[in-house]
PDB file of N, CA and C in Angstrom:
ATOM      1  N   UNK A   1      15.600  -0.344  10.727  1.00  0.00           N
ATOM      2  CA  UNK A   1      14.349   0.381  10.841  1.00  0.00           C
ATOM      3  C   UNK A   1      13.239  -0.599  11.221  1.00  0.00           C
ATOM      4  N   UNK A   2      12.419  -0.212  12.165  1.00  0.00           N
ATOM      5  CA  UNK A   2      11.280  -1.028  12.605  1.00  0.00           C
ATOM      6  C   UNK A   2      10.113  -0.799  11.650  1.00  0.00           C
ATOM      7  N   UNK A   3       9.457  -1.896  11.263  1.00  0.00           N
ATOM      8  CA  UNK A   3       8.399  -1.768  10.265  1.00  0.00           C
ATOM      9  C   UNK A   3       7.277  -2.758  10.514  1.00  0.00           C
ATOM     10  N   UNK A   4       6.088  -2.356  10.093  1.00  0.00           N
ATOM     11  CA  UNK A   4       4.927  -3.247  10.024  1.00  0.00           C
ATOM     12  C   UNK A   4       4.929  -3.846   8.624  1.00  0.00           C
ATOM     13  N   UNK A   5       4.658  -5.142   8.542  1.00  0.00           N
ATOM     14  CA  UNK A   5       4.688  -5.845   7.260  1.00  0.00           C
ATOM     15  C   UNK A   5       3.331  -6.491   7.003  1.00  0.00           C
ATOM     16  N   UNK A   6       2.815  -6.307   5.810  1.00  0.00           N
ATOM     17  CA  UNK A   6       1.611  -7.000   5.357  1.00  0.00           C
ATOM     18  C   UNK A   6       1.987  -7.674   4.039  1.00  0.00           C
ATOM     19  N   UNK A   7       1.726  -8.956   3.938  1.00  0.00           N
ATOM     20  CA  UNK A   7       2.059  -9.708   2.729  1.00  0.00           C
ATOM     21  C   UNK A   7       0.807 -10.266   2.074  1.00  0.00           C
ATOM     22  N   UNK A   8       0.754 -10.158   0.776  1.00  0.00           N
ATOM     23  CA  UNK A   8      -0.289 -10.738  -0.063  1.00  0.00           C
ATOM     24  C   UNK A   8      -1.695 -10.312   0.351  1.00  0.00           C
ATOM     25  N   UNK A   9      -1.852  -9.024   0.616  1.00  0.00           N
ATOM     26  CA  UNK A   9      -3.181  -8.466   0.850  1.00  0.00           C
ATOM     27  C   UNK A   9      -3.886  -8.453  -0.494  1.00  0.00           C
ATOM     28  N   UNK A  10      -5.019  -9.124  -0.576  1.00  0.00           N
ATOM     29  CA  UNK A  10      -5.754  -9.220  -1.840  1.00  0.00           C
ATOM     30  C   UNK A  10      -6.888  -8.206  -1.848  1.00  0.00           C
ATOM     31  N   UNK A  11      -6.956  -7.423  -2.917  1.00  0.00           N
ATOM     32  CA  UNK A  11      -8.044  -6.463  -3.112  1.00  0.00           C
ATOM     33  C   UNK A  11      -8.548  -6.578  -4.543  1.00  0.00           C
ATOM     34  N   UNK A  12      -9.793  -6.214  -4.742  1.00  0.00           N
ATOM     35  CA  UNK A  12     -10.405  -6.209  -6.068  1.00  0.00           C
ATOM     36  C   UNK A  12     -10.420  -4.778  -6.589  1.00  0.00           C
ATOM     37  N   UNK A  13     -10.052  -4.622  -7.871  1.00  0.00           N
ATOM     38  CA  UNK A  13     -10.000  -3.280  -8.450  1.00  0.00           C
ATOM     39  C   UNK A  13     -10.325  -3.324  -9.931  1.00  0.00           C
ATOM     40  N   UNK A  14     -10.894  -2.228 -10.399  1.00  0.00           N
ATOM     41  CA  UNK A  14     -11.008  -1.995 -11.829  1.00  0.00           C
ATOM     42  C   UNK A  14      -9.700  -1.338 -12.233  1.00  0.00           C
ATOM     43  N   UNK A  15      -8.871  -2.073 -12.970  1.00  0.00           N
ATOM     44  CA  UNK A  15      -7.538  -1.567 -13.281  1.00  0.00           C
ATOM     45  C   UNK A  15      -7.076  -2.099 -14.625  1.00  0.00           C
ATOM     46  N   UNK A  16      -6.543  -1.210 -15.434  1.00  0.00           N
ATOM     47  CA  UNK A  16      -5.996  -1.622 -16.715  1.00  0.00           C
ATOM     48  C   UNK A  16      -6.358  -0.680 -17.838  1.00  0.00           C
ATOM     49  N   UNK A  17      -5.658  -0.851 -18.954  1.00  0.00           N
ATOM     50  CA  UNK A  17      -5.846   0.027 -20.104  1.00  0.00           C
ATOM     51  C   UNK A  17      -6.756  -0.573 -21.170  1.00  0.00           C
ATOM     52  N   UNK A  18      -7.033  -1.859 -21.063  1.00  0.00           N
ATOM     53  CA  UNK A  18      -7.869  -2.513 -22.064  1.00  0.00           C
ATOM     54  C   UNK A  18      -9.348  -2.328 -21.741  1.00  0.00           C
ATOM     55  N   UNK A  19     -10.166  -2.335 -22.784  1.00  0.00           N
ATOM     56  CA  UNK A  19     -11.607  -2.106 -22.640  1.00  0.00           C
ATOM     57  C   UNK A  19     -12.230  -3.042 -21.602  1.00  0.00           C
ATOM     58  N   UNK A  20     -11.898  -4.322 -21.661  1.00  0.00           N
ATOM     59  CA  UNK A  20     -12.486  -5.307 -20.728  1.00  0.00           C
ATOM     60  C   UNK A  20     -12.121  -5.001 -19.279  1.00  0.00           C
ATOM     61  N   UNK A  21     -10.981  -4.344 -19.070  1.00  0.00           N
ATOM     62  CA  UNK A  21     -10.517  -4.052 -17.716  1.00  0.00           C
ATOM     63  C   UNK A  21     -11.261  -2.880 -17.083  1.00  0.00           C
ATOM     64  N   UNK A  22     -12.068  -2.207 -17.847  1.00  0.00           N
ATOM     65  CA  UNK A  22     -12.871  -1.098 -17.318  1.00  0.00           C
ATOM     66  C   UNK A  22     -14.164  -1.582 -16.672  1.00  0.00           C
ATOM     67  N   UNK A  23     -14.501  -2.879 -16.908  1.00  0.00           N
ATOM     68  CA  UNK A  23     -15.792  -3.389 -16.442  1.00  0.00           C
ATOM     69  C   UNK A  23     -15.696  -4.629 -15.567  1.00  0.00           C
ATOM     70  N   UNK A  24     -14.547  -5.258 -15.536  1.00  0.00           N
ATOM     71  CA  UNK A  24     -14.374  -6.497 -14.770  1.00  0.00           C
ATOM     72  C   UNK A  24     -13.261  -6.289 -13.746  1.00  0.00           C
ATOM     73  N   UNK A  25     -13.594  -6.496 -12.479  1.00  0.00           N
ATOM     74  CA  UNK A  25     -12.571  -6.317 -11.445  1.00  0.00           C
ATOM     75  C   UNK A  25     -11.495  -7.392 -11.567  1.00  0.00           C
ATOM     76  N   UNK A  26     -10.320  -7.031 -11.131  1.00  0.00           N
ATOM     77  CA  UNK A  26      -9.186  -7.945 -11.100  1.00  0.00           C
ATOM     78  C   UNK A  26      -8.646  -7.992  -9.675  1.00  0.00           C
ATOM     79  N   UNK A  27      -8.064  -9.106  -9.338  1.00  0.00           N
ATOM     80  CA  UNK A  27      -7.462  -9.245  -8.016  1.00  0.00           C
ATOM     81  C   UNK A  27      -6.033  -8.719  -8.049  1.00  0.00           C
ATOM     82  N   UNK A  28      -5.734  -7.846  -7.097  1.00  0.00           N
ATOM     83  CA  UNK A  28      -4.382  -7.342  -6.913  1.00  0.00           C
ATOM     84  C   UNK A  28      -3.810  -7.939  -5.634  1.00  0.00           C
ATOM     85  N   UNK A  29      -2.542  -8.238  -5.658  1.00  0.00           N
ATOM     86  CA  UNK A  29      -1.824  -8.690  -4.467  1.00  0.00           C
ATOM     87  C   UNK A  29      -0.883  -7.571  -4.040  1.00  0.00           C
ATOM     88  N   UNK A  30      -0.969  -7.208  -2.762  1.00  0.00           N
ATOM     89  CA  UNK A  30      -0.165  -6.098  -2.245  1.00  0.00           C
ATOM     90  C   UNK A  30       0.723  -6.595  -1.117  1.00  0.00           C
ATOM     91  N   UNK A  31       2.011  -6.302  -1.226  1.00  0.00           N
ATOM     92  CA  UNK A  31       2.971  -6.523  -0.149  1.00  0.00           C
ATOM     93  C   UNK A  31       3.446  -5.144   0.281  1.00  0.00           C
ATOM     94  N   UNK A  32       3.472  -4.916   1.591  1.00  0.00           N
ATOM     95  CA  UNK A  32       3.959  -3.609   2.023  1.00  0.00           C
ATOM     96  C   UNK A  32       4.721  -3.674   3.330  1.00  0.00           C
ATOM     97  N   UNK A  33       5.617  -2.719   3.457  1.00  0.00           N
ATOM     98  CA  UNK A  33       6.349  -2.470   4.694  1.00  0.00           C
ATOM     99  C   UNK A  33       6.185  -0.996   5.005  1.00  0.00           C
ATOM    100  N   UNK A  34       5.816  -0.710   6.264  1.00  0.00           N
ATOM    101  CA  UNK A  34       5.650   0.679   6.709  1.00  0.00           C
ATOM    102  C   UNK A  34       6.504   0.881   7.947  1.00  0.00           C
ATOM    103  N   UNK A  35       7.314   1.905   7.924  1.00  0.00           N
ATOM    104  CA  UNK A  35       8.099   2.224   9.110  1.00  0.00           C
ATOM    105  C   UNK A  35       7.175   2.636  10.238  1.00  0.00           C
ATOM    106  N   UNK A  36       7.483   2.180  11.433  1.00  0.00           N
ATOM    107  CA  UNK A  36       6.718   2.599  12.607  1.00  0.00           C
ATOM    108  C   UNK A  36       6.914   4.094  12.828  1.00  0.00           C
ATOM    109  N   UNK A  37       5.901   4.791  13.322  1.00  0.00           N
ATOM    110  CA  UNK A  37       6.013   6.228  13.513  1.00  0.00           C
ATOM    111  C   UNK A  37       6.916   6.629  14.677  1.00  0.00           C
ATOM    112  N   UNK A  38       7.330   5.681  15.481  1.00  0.00           N
ATOM    113  CA  UNK A  38       8.201   5.963  16.615  1.00  0.00           C
ATOM    114  C   UNK A  38       8.402   4.702  17.436  1.00  0.00           C
ATOM    115  N   UNK A  39       8.994   4.861  18.598  1.00  0.00           N
ATOM    116  CA  UNK A  39       9.279   3.708  19.457  1.00  0.00           C
ATOM    117  C   UNK A  39       8.363   3.627  20.670  1.00  0.00           C
ATOM    118  N   UNK A  40       7.457   4.559  20.832  1.00  0.00           N
ATOM    119  CA  UNK A  40       6.585   4.586  22.015  1.00  0.00           C
ATOM    120  C   UNK A  40       5.788   3.298  22.182  1.00  0.00           C
ATOM    121  N   UNK A  41       5.413   2.670  21.081  1.00  0.00           N
ATOM    122  CA  UNK A  41       4.588   1.452  21.137  1.00  0.00           C
ATOM    123  C   UNK A  41       5.276   0.324  21.905  1.00  0.00           C
ATOM    124  N   UNK A  42       6.580   0.281  21.894  1.00  0.00           N
ATOM    125  CA  UNK A  42       7.297  -0.803  22.572  1.00  0.00           C
ATOM    126  C   UNK A  42       7.139  -0.733  24.084  1.00  0.00           C
ATOM    127  N   UNK A  43       6.981   0.471  24.622  1.00  0.00           N
ATOM    128  CA  UNK A  43       6.773   0.637  26.059  1.00  0.00           C
ATOM    129  C   UNK A  43       5.289   0.652  26.423  1.00  0.00           C
ATOM    130  N   UNK A  44       4.475   1.227  25.547  1.00  0.00           N
ATOM    131  CA  UNK A  44       3.058   1.415  25.891  1.00  0.00           C
ATOM    132  C   UNK A  44       2.183   0.204  25.594  1.00  0.00           C
ATOM    133  N   UNK A  45       2.530  -0.562  24.567  1.00  0.00           N
ATOM    134  CA  UNK A  45       1.727  -1.689  24.118  1.00  0.00           C
ATOM    135  C   UNK A  45       0.328  -1.233  23.698  1.00  0.00           C
ATOM    136  N   UNK A  46       0.248   0.007  23.144  1.00  0.00           N
ATOM    137  CA  UNK A  46      -1.033   0.581  22.730  1.00  0.00           C
ATOM    138  C   UNK A  46      -1.044   0.820  21.223  1.00  0.00           C
ATOM    139  N   UNK A  47      -2.148   0.439  20.581  1.00  0.00           N
ATOM    140  CA  UNK A  47      -2.287   0.630  19.138  1.00  0.00           C
ATOM    141  C   UNK A  47      -2.233   2.112  18.760  1.00  0.00           C
ATOM    142  N   UNK A  48      -2.589   2.987  19.663  1.00  0.00           N
ATOM    143  CA  UNK A  48      -2.543   4.423  19.402  1.00  0.00           C
ATOM    144  C   UNK A  48      -1.117   4.914  19.134  1.00  0.00           C
ATOM    145  N   UNK A  49      -0.121   4.137  19.551  1.00  0.00           N
ATOM    146  CA  UNK A  49       1.279   4.518  19.367  1.00  0.00           C
ATOM    147  C   UNK A  49       1.924   3.862  18.151  1.00  0.00           C
ATOM    148  N   UNK A  50       1.100   3.268  17.305  1.00  0.00           N
ATOM    149  CA  UNK A  50       1.618   2.613  16.108  1.00  0.00           C
ATOM    150  C   UNK A  50       0.648   2.857  14.958  1.00  0.00           C
ATOM    151  N   UNK A  51       0.759   2.094  13.901  1.00  0.00           N
ATOM    152  CA  UNK A  51      -0.161   2.174  12.768  1.00  0.00           C
ATOM    153  C   UNK A  51      -1.066   0.950  12.832  1.00  0.00           C
ATOM    154  N   UNK A  52      -2.361   1.169  12.852  1.00  0.00           N
ATOM    155  CA  UNK A  52      -3.340   0.095  12.959  1.00  0.00           C
ATOM    156  C   UNK A  52      -3.451  -0.608  11.609  1.00  0.00           C
ATOM    157  N   UNK A  53      -2.869  -1.797  11.498  1.00  0.00           N
ATOM    158  CA  UNK A  53      -2.832  -2.489  10.201  1.00  0.00           C
ATOM    159  C   UNK A  53      -4.208  -2.922   9.715  1.00  0.00           C
ATOM    160  N   UNK A  54      -5.162  -3.116  10.621  1.00  0.00           N
ATOM    161  CA  UNK A  54      -6.517  -3.434  10.182  1.00  0.00           C
ATOM    162  C   UNK A  54      -7.126  -2.239   9.441  1.00  0.00           C
ATOM    163  N   UNK A  55      -6.924  -1.042   9.984  1.00  0.00           N
ATOM    164  CA  UNK A  55      -7.418   0.168   9.326  1.00  0.00           C
ATOM    165  C   UNK A  55      -6.702   0.405   7.991  1.00  0.00           C
ATOM    166  N   UNK A  56      -5.415   0.085   7.941  1.00  0.00           N
ATOM    167  CA  UNK A  56      -4.657   0.201   6.695  1.00  0.00           C
ATOM    168  C   UNK A  56      -5.298  -0.680   5.620  1.00  0.00           C
ATOM    169  N   UNK A  57      -5.567  -1.935   5.959  1.00  0.00           N
ATOM    170  CA  UNK A  57      -6.155  -2.873   4.992  1.00  0.00           C
ATOM    171  C   UNK A  57      -7.528  -2.390   4.528  1.00  0.00           C
ATOM    172  N   UNK A  58      -8.341  -1.897   5.441  1.00  0.00           N
ATOM    173  CA  UNK A  58      -9.667  -1.393   5.082  1.00  0.00           C
ATOM    174  C   UNK A  58      -9.582  -0.193   4.142  1.00  0.00           C
ATOM    175  N   UNK A  59      -8.667   0.722   4.421  1.00  0.00           N
ATOM    176  CA  UNK A  59      -8.521   1.927   3.588  1.00  0.00           C
ATOM    177  C   UNK A  59      -7.972   1.585   2.206  1.00  0.00           C
ATOM    178  N   UNK A  60      -7.068   0.603   2.130  1.00  0.00           N
ATOM    179  CA  UNK A  60      -6.544   0.188   0.823  1.00  0.00           C
ATOM    180  C   UNK A  60      -7.657  -0.448  -0.006  1.00  0.00           C
ATOM    181  N   UNK A  61      -8.483  -1.282   0.625  1.00  0.00           N
ATOM    182  CA  UNK A  61      -9.625  -1.880  -0.089  1.00  0.00           C
ATOM    183  C   UNK A  61     -10.561  -0.789  -0.617  1.00  0.00           C
ATOM    184  N   UNK A  62     -10.847   0.204   0.205  1.00  0.00           N
ATOM    185  CA  UNK A  62     -11.719   1.305  -0.207  1.00  0.00           C
ATOM    186  C   UNK A  62     -11.093   2.096  -1.356  1.00  0.00           C
ATOM    187  N   UNK A  63      -9.807   2.330  -1.285  1.00  0.00           N
ATOM    188  CA  UNK A  63      -9.096   3.042  -2.348  1.00  0.00           C
ATOM    189  C   UNK A  63      -9.175   2.263  -3.660  1.00  0.00           C
ATOM    190  N   UNK A  64      -9.006   0.953  -3.587  1.00  0.00           N
ATOM    191  CA  UNK A  64      -9.074   0.106  -4.781  1.00  0.00           C
ATOM    192  C   UNK A  64     -10.463   0.152  -5.418  1.00  0.00           C
ATOM    193  N   UNK A  65     -11.486   0.246  -4.595  1.00  0.00           N
ATOM    194  CA  UNK A  65     -12.865   0.234  -5.084  1.00  0.00           C
ATOM    195  C   UNK A  65     -13.359   1.614  -5.520  1.00  0.00           C
ATOM    196  N   UNK A  66     -12.620   2.655  -5.211  1.00  0.00           N
ATOM    197  CA  UNK A  66     -13.107   4.019  -5.408  1.00  0.00           C
ATOM    198  C   UNK A  66     -13.156   4.480  -6.857  1.00  0.00           C
ATOM    199  N   UNK A  67     -12.305   3.918  -7.714  1.00  0.00           N
ATOM    200  CA  UNK A  67     -12.241   4.402  -9.091  1.00  0.00           C
ATOM    201  C   UNK A  67     -11.557   3.379  -9.983  1.00  0.00           C
ATOM    202  N   UNK A  68     -11.598   3.629 -11.271  1.00  0.00           N
ATOM    203  CA  UNK A  68     -10.843   2.828 -12.231  1.00  0.00           C
ATOM    204  C   UNK A  68      -9.439   3.417 -12.334  1.00  0.00           C
ATOM    205  N   UNK A  69      -8.441   2.564 -12.249  1.00  0.00           N
ATOM    206  CA  UNK A  69      -7.048   2.969 -12.420  1.00  0.00           C
ATOM    207  C   UNK A  69      -6.554   2.395 -13.738  1.00  0.00           C
ATOM    208  N   UNK A  70      -5.866   3.189 -14.513  1.00  0.00           N
ATOM    209  CA  UNK A  70      -5.314   2.689 -15.769  1.00  0.00           C
ATOM    210  C   UNK A  70      -4.067   1.844 -15.515  1.00  0.00           C
ATOM    211  N   UNK A  71      -3.228   2.279 -14.594  1.00  0.00           N
ATOM    212  CA  UNK A  71      -1.941   1.615 -14.384  1.00  0.00           C
ATOM    213  C   UNK A  71      -1.752   1.156 -12.940  1.00  0.00           C
ATOM    214  N   UNK A  72      -1.071   0.053 -12.775  1.00  0.00           N
ATOM    215  CA  UNK A  72      -0.719  -0.442 -11.448  1.00  0.00           C
ATOM    216  C   UNK A  72       0.177   0.579 -10.747  1.00  0.00           C
ATOM    217  N   UNK A  73       1.024   1.244 -11.504  1.00  0.00           N
ATOM    218  CA  UNK A  73       1.915   2.250 -10.934  1.00  0.00           C
ATOM    219  C   UNK A  73       1.127   3.375 -10.269  1.00  0.00           C
ATOM    220  N   UNK A  74       0.064   3.798 -10.908  1.00  0.00           N
ATOM    221  CA  UNK A  74      -0.770   4.875 -10.356  1.00  0.00           C
ATOM    222  C   UNK A  74      -1.423   4.429  -9.053  1.00  0.00           C
ATOM    223  N   UNK A  75      -1.985   3.223  -9.049  1.00  0.00           N
ATOM    224  CA  UNK A  75      -2.611   2.718  -7.829  1.00  0.00           C
ATOM    225  C   UNK A  75      -1.582   2.607  -6.711  1.00  0.00           C
ATOM    226  N   UNK A  76      -0.398   2.087  -7.011  1.00  0.00           N
ATOM    227  CA  UNK A  76       0.656   1.952  -5.995  1.00  0.00           C
ATOM    228  C   UNK A  76       1.017   3.312  -5.402  1.00  0.00           C
ATOM    229  N   UNK A  77       1.118   4.324  -6.246  1.00  0.00           N
ATOM    230  CA  UNK A  77       1.440   5.666  -5.752  1.00  0.00           C
ATOM    231  C   UNK A  77       0.337   6.204  -4.855  1.00  0.00           C
ATOM    232  N   UNK A  78      -0.922   5.942  -5.192  1.00  0.00           N
ATOM    233  CA  UNK A  78      -2.047   6.371  -4.343  1.00  0.00           C
ATOM    234  C   UNK A  78      -1.986   5.679  -2.978  1.00  0.00           C
ATOM    235  N   UNK A  79      -1.648   4.392  -2.970  1.00  0.00           N
ATOM    236  CA  UNK A  79      -1.523   3.662  -1.699  1.00  0.00           C
ATOM    237  C   UNK A  79      -0.388   4.251  -0.871  1.00  0.00           C
ATOM    238  N   UNK A  80       0.754   4.510  -1.493  1.00  0.00           N
ATOM    239  CA  UNK A  80       1.894   5.085  -0.771  1.00  0.00           C
ATOM    240  C   UNK A  80       1.540   6.445  -0.175  1.00  0.00           C
ATOM    241  N   UNK A  81       0.827   7.256  -0.943  1.00  0.00           N
ATOM    242  CA  UNK A  81       0.396   8.570  -0.450  1.00  0.00           C
ATOM    243  C   UNK A  81      -0.548   8.425   0.732  1.00  0.00           C
ATOM    244  N   UNK A  82      -1.448   7.463   0.658  1.00  0.00           N
ATOM    245  CA  UNK A  82      -2.367   7.177   1.766  1.00  0.00           C
ATOM    246  C   UNK A  82      -1.586   6.806   3.029  1.00  0.00           C
ATOM    247  N   UNK A  83      -0.608   5.927   2.891  1.00  0.00           N
ATOM    248  CA  UNK A  83       0.128   5.431   4.052  1.00  0.00           C
ATOM    249  C   UNK A  83       1.014   6.501   4.686  1.00  0.00           C
ATOM    250  N   UNK A  84       1.666   7.304   3.867  1.00  0.00           N
ATOM    251  CA  UNK A  84       2.530   8.351   4.421  1.00  0.00           C
ATOM    252  C   UNK A  84       1.729   9.559   4.894  1.00  0.00           C
ATOM    253  N   UNK A  85       0.604   9.832   4.233  1.00  0.00           N
ATOM    254  CA  UNK A  85      -0.214  10.988   4.590  1.00  0.00           C
ATOM    255  C   UNK A  85      -1.176  10.703   5.719  1.00  0.00           C
ATOM    256  N   UNK A  86      -2.169   9.874   5.448  1.00  0.00           N
ATOM    257  CA  UNK A  86      -3.225   9.610   6.426  1.00  0.00           C
ATOM    258  C   UNK A  86      -2.725   8.840   7.649  1.00  0.00           C
ATOM    259  N   UNK A  87      -1.836   7.887   7.432  1.00  0.00           N
ATOM    260  CA  UNK A  87      -1.388   7.047   8.547  1.00  0.00           C
ATOM    261  C   UNK A  87      -0.059   7.502   9.137  1.00  0.00           C
ATOM    262  N   UNK A  88       0.606   8.448   8.511  1.00  0.00           N
ATOM    263  CA  UNK A  88       1.831   9.017   9.059  1.00  0.00           C
ATOM    264  C   UNK A  88       3.038   8.091   9.048  1.00  0.00           C
ATOM    265  N   UNK A  89       3.051   7.110   8.161  1.00  0.00           N
ATOM    266  CA  UNK A  89       4.222   6.239   8.066  1.00  0.00           C
ATOM    267  C   UNK A  89       5.400   7.070   7.562  1.00  0.00           C
ATOM    268  N   UNK A  90       6.518   7.058   8.282  1.00  0.00           N
ATOM    269  CA  UNK A  90       7.672   7.836   7.844  1.00  0.00           C
ATOM    270  C   UNK A  90       8.249   7.357   6.513  1.00  0.00           C
ATOM    271  N   UNK A  91       8.078   6.062   6.234  1.00  0.00           N
ATOM    272  CA  UNK A  91       8.630   5.447   5.034  1.00  0.00           C
ATOM    273  C   UNK A  91       7.762   4.251   4.682  1.00  0.00           C
ATOM    274  N   UNK A  92       7.599   4.002   3.389  1.00  0.00           N
ATOM    275  CA  UNK A  92       6.826   2.846   2.947  1.00  0.00           C
ATOM    276  C   UNK A  92       7.472   2.255   1.698  1.00  0.00           C
ATOM    277  N   UNK A  93       7.460   0.947   1.636  1.00  0.00           N
ATOM    278  CA  UNK A  93       7.860   0.215   0.434  1.00  0.00           C
ATOM    279  C   UNK A  93       6.718  -0.735   0.130  1.00  0.00           C
ATOM    280  N   UNK A  94       6.213  -0.687  -1.105  1.00  0.00           N
ATOM    281  CA  UNK A  94       5.112  -1.572  -1.427  1.00  0.00           C
ATOM    282  C   UNK A  94       5.205  -2.095  -2.848  1.00  0.00           C
ATOM    283  N   UNK A  95       4.689  -3.295  -2.996  1.00  0.00           N
ATOM    284  CA  UNK A  95       4.572  -3.932  -4.304  1.00  0.00           C
ATOM    285  C   UNK A  95       3.097  -4.187  -4.559  1.00  0.00           C
ATOM    286  N   UNK A  96       2.663  -3.902  -5.777  1.00  0.00           N
ATOM    287  CA  UNK A  96       1.302  -4.184  -6.209  1.00  0.00           C
ATOM    288  C   UNK A  96       1.418  -5.002  -7.478  1.00  0.00           C
ATOM    289  N   UNK A  97       0.688  -6.123  -7.524  1.00  0.00           N
ATOM    290  CA  UNK A  97       0.766  -7.001  -8.689  1.00  0.00           C
ATOM    291  C   UNK A  97      -0.605  -7.462  -9.133  1.00  0.00           C
ATOM    292  N   UNK A  98      -0.789  -7.515 -10.449  1.00  0.00           N
ATOM    293  CA  UNK A  98      -1.959  -8.160 -11.049  1.00  0.00           C
ATOM    294  C   UNK A  98      -1.642  -9.649 -11.122  1.00  0.00           C
ATOM    295  N   UNK A  99      -2.579 -10.461 -10.701  1.00  0.00           N
ATOM    296  CA  UNK A  99      -2.366 -11.904 -10.670  1.00  0.00           C
ATOM    297  C   UNK A  99      -2.886 -12.536 -11.967  1.00  0.00           C
ATOM    298  N   UNK A 100      -2.050 -13.386 -12.588  1.00  0.00           N
ATOM    299  CA  UNK A 100      -2.475 -14.149 -13.755  1.00  0.00           C
ATOM    300  C   UNK A 100      -2.814 -13.333 -14.982  1.00  0.00           C
ATOM    301  N   UNK A 101      -2.235 -12.163 -15.133  1.00  0.00           N
ATOM    302  CA  UNK A 101      -2.568 -11.290 -16.251  1.00  0.00           C
ATOM    303  C   UNK A 101      -1.804 -11.668 -17.525  1.00  0.00           C
ATOM    304  N   UNK A 102      -0.618 -12.251 -17.383  1.00  0.00           N
ATOM    305  CA  UNK A 102       0.164 -12.684 -18.538  1.00  0.00           C
ATOM    306  C   UNK A 102       0.282 -14.206 -18.555  1.00  0.00           C
ATOM    307  N   UNK A 103       0.171 -14.802 -19.733  1.00  0.00           N
ATOM    308  CA  UNK A 103       0.390 -16.250 -19.807  1.00  0.00           C
ATOM    309  C   UNK A 103       1.812 -16.580 -19.335  1.00  0.00           C
ATOM    310  N   UNK A 104       1.948 -17.655 -18.626  1.00  0.00           N
ATOM    311  CA  UNK A 104       3.244 -18.141 -18.136  1.00  0.00           C
ATOM    312  C   UNK A 104       3.902 -17.240 -17.097  1.00  0.00           C
ATOM    313  N   UNK A 105       3.146 -16.314 -16.507  1.00  0.00           N
ATOM    314  CA  UNK A 105       3.668 -15.474 -15.418  1.00  0.00           C
ATOM    315  C   UNK A 105       2.657 -15.489 -14.278  1.00  0.00           C
ATOM    316  N   UNK A 106       3.138 -15.716 -13.078  1.00  0.00           N
ATOM    317  CA  UNK A 106       2.248 -15.747 -11.911  1.00  0.00           C
ATOM    318  C   UNK A 106       1.622 -14.370 -11.670  1.00  0.00           C
ATOM    319  N   UNK A 107       2.433 -13.330 -11.777  1.00  0.00           N
ATOM    320  CA  UNK A 107       1.931 -11.974 -11.592  1.00  0.00           C
ATOM    321  C   UNK A 107       2.835 -10.979 -12.301  1.00  0.00           C
ATOM    322  N   UNK A 108       2.300  -9.778 -12.496  1.00  0.00           N
ATOM    323  CA  UNK A 108       3.054  -8.661 -13.046  1.00  0.00           C
ATOM    324  C   UNK A 108       2.741  -7.458 -12.179  1.00  0.00           C
ATOM    325  N   UNK A 109       3.790  -6.740 -11.770  1.00  0.00           N
ATOM    326  CA  UNK A 109       3.518  -5.617 -10.882  1.00  0.00           C
ATOM    327  C   UNK A 109       4.642  -4.615 -10.815  1.00  0.00           C
ATOM    328  N   UNK A 110       4.575  -3.806  -9.780  1.00  0.00           N
ATOM    329  CA  UNK A 110       5.535  -2.726  -9.579  1.00  0.00           C
ATOM    330  C   UNK A 110       5.870  -2.639  -8.092  1.00  0.00           C
ATOM    331  N   UNK A 111       7.088  -2.210  -7.790  1.00  0.00           N
ATOM    332  CA  UNK A 111       7.508  -1.934  -6.415  1.00  0.00           C
ATOM    333  C   UNK A 111       7.953  -0.486  -6.336  1.00  0.00           C
ATOM    334  N   UNK A 112       7.457   0.229  -5.315  1.00  0.00           N
ATOM    335  CA  UNK A 112       7.856   1.625  -5.116  1.00  0.00           C
ATOM    336  C   UNK A 112       8.218   1.852  -3.652  1.00  0.00           C
ATOM    337  N   UNK A 113       8.978   2.898  -3.412  1.00  0.00           N
ATOM    338  CA  UNK A 113       9.309   3.346  -2.055  1.00  0.00           C
ATOM    339  C   UNK A 113       9.036   4.837  -1.978  1.00  0.00           C
ATOM    340  N   UNK A 114       8.503   5.251  -0.838  1.00  0.00           N
ATOM    341  CA  UNK A 114       8.231   6.668  -0.613  1.00  0.00           C
ATOM    342  C   UNK A 114       8.570   7.033   0.821  1.00  0.00           C
ATOM    343  N   UNK A 115       8.979   8.277   1.013  1.00  0.00           N
ATOM    344  CA  UNK A 115       9.204   8.832   2.342  1.00  0.00           C
ATOM    345  C   UNK A 115       8.147   9.891   2.600  1.00  0.00           C
ATOM    346  N   UNK A 116       7.769  10.017   3.874  1.00  0.00           N
ATOM    347  CA  UNK A 116       6.826  11.056   4.285  1.00  0.00           C
ATOM    348  C   UNK A 116       7.574  12.377   4.255  1.00  0.00           C
ATOM    349  N   UNK A 117       7.152  13.268   3.387  1.00  0.00           N
ATOM    350  CA  UNK A 117       7.842  14.553   3.234  1.00  0.00           C
ATOM    351  C   UNK A 117       7.715  15.442   4.452  1.00  0.00           C
ATOM    352  N   UNK A 118       6.731  15.144   5.312  1.00  0.00           N
ATOM    353  CA  UNK A 118       6.535  15.948   6.514  1.00  0.00           C
ATOM    354  C   UNK A 118       7.443  15.551   7.667  1.00  0.00           C
ATOM    355  N   UNK A 119       8.139  14.431   7.529  1.00  0.00           N
ATOM    356  CA  UNK A 119       9.020  13.951   8.593  1.00  0.00           C
ATOM    357  C   UNK A 119      10.419  14.484   8.346  1.00  0.00           C
ATOM    358  N   UNK A 120      10.976  15.131   9.337  1.00  0.00           N
ATOM    359  CA  UNK A 120      12.332  15.674   9.215  1.00  0.00           C
ATOM    360  C   UNK A 120      13.180  15.169  10.375  1.00  0.00           C
ATOM    361  N   UNK A 121      14.346  14.695  10.019  1.00  0.00           N
ATOM    362  CA  UNK A 121      15.275  14.240  11.057  1.00  0.00           C
ATOM    363  C   UNK A 121      15.945  15.447  11.694  1.00  0.00           C
ATOM    364  N   UNK A 122      16.077  15.399  12.999  1.00  0.00           N
ATOM    365  CA  UNK A 122      16.744  16.482  13.735  1.00  0.00           C
ATOM    366  C   UNK A 122      17.984  15.891  14.384  1.00  0.00           C
ATOM    367  N   UNK A 123      19.128  16.443  14.050  1.00  0.00           N
ATOM    368  CA  UNK A 123      20.378  15.952  14.617  1.00  0.00           C
ATOM    369  C   UNK A 123      20.921  16.997  15.574  1.00  0.00           C
ATOM    370  N   UNK A 124      21.337  16.526  16.746  1.00  0.00           N
ATOM    371  CA  UNK A 124      21.904  17.455  17.736  1.00  0.00           C
ATOM    372  C   UNK A 124      23.272  17.009  18.124  1.00  0.00           C
TER     373      UNK A 124
END
């Protein structure tokens, strides 16, 4: 499967269940893979035939800033919904991690995969 990959996208978010986490932003690291919406981009060389990764990064930053999230899992699901819905990615796999949240651990996070429910394979 052909995919766009973004590694270690850093965003600031109000995230967590503890009182202090409701008022102090934390840095999240996001790794993602998004399936290309088709193969037209290989012939056209046009961004209109693919997913604009700059717009993806901007929308994820806006999503992170939009509200307080209690769980990393919830934020990851919102990102996956954004990518499959707004950007039309047929499939997405993403990891979201809080950096330096636990002593002796570089990060703690979650990895999820989602498919675009609107995409249906047609076999002939």
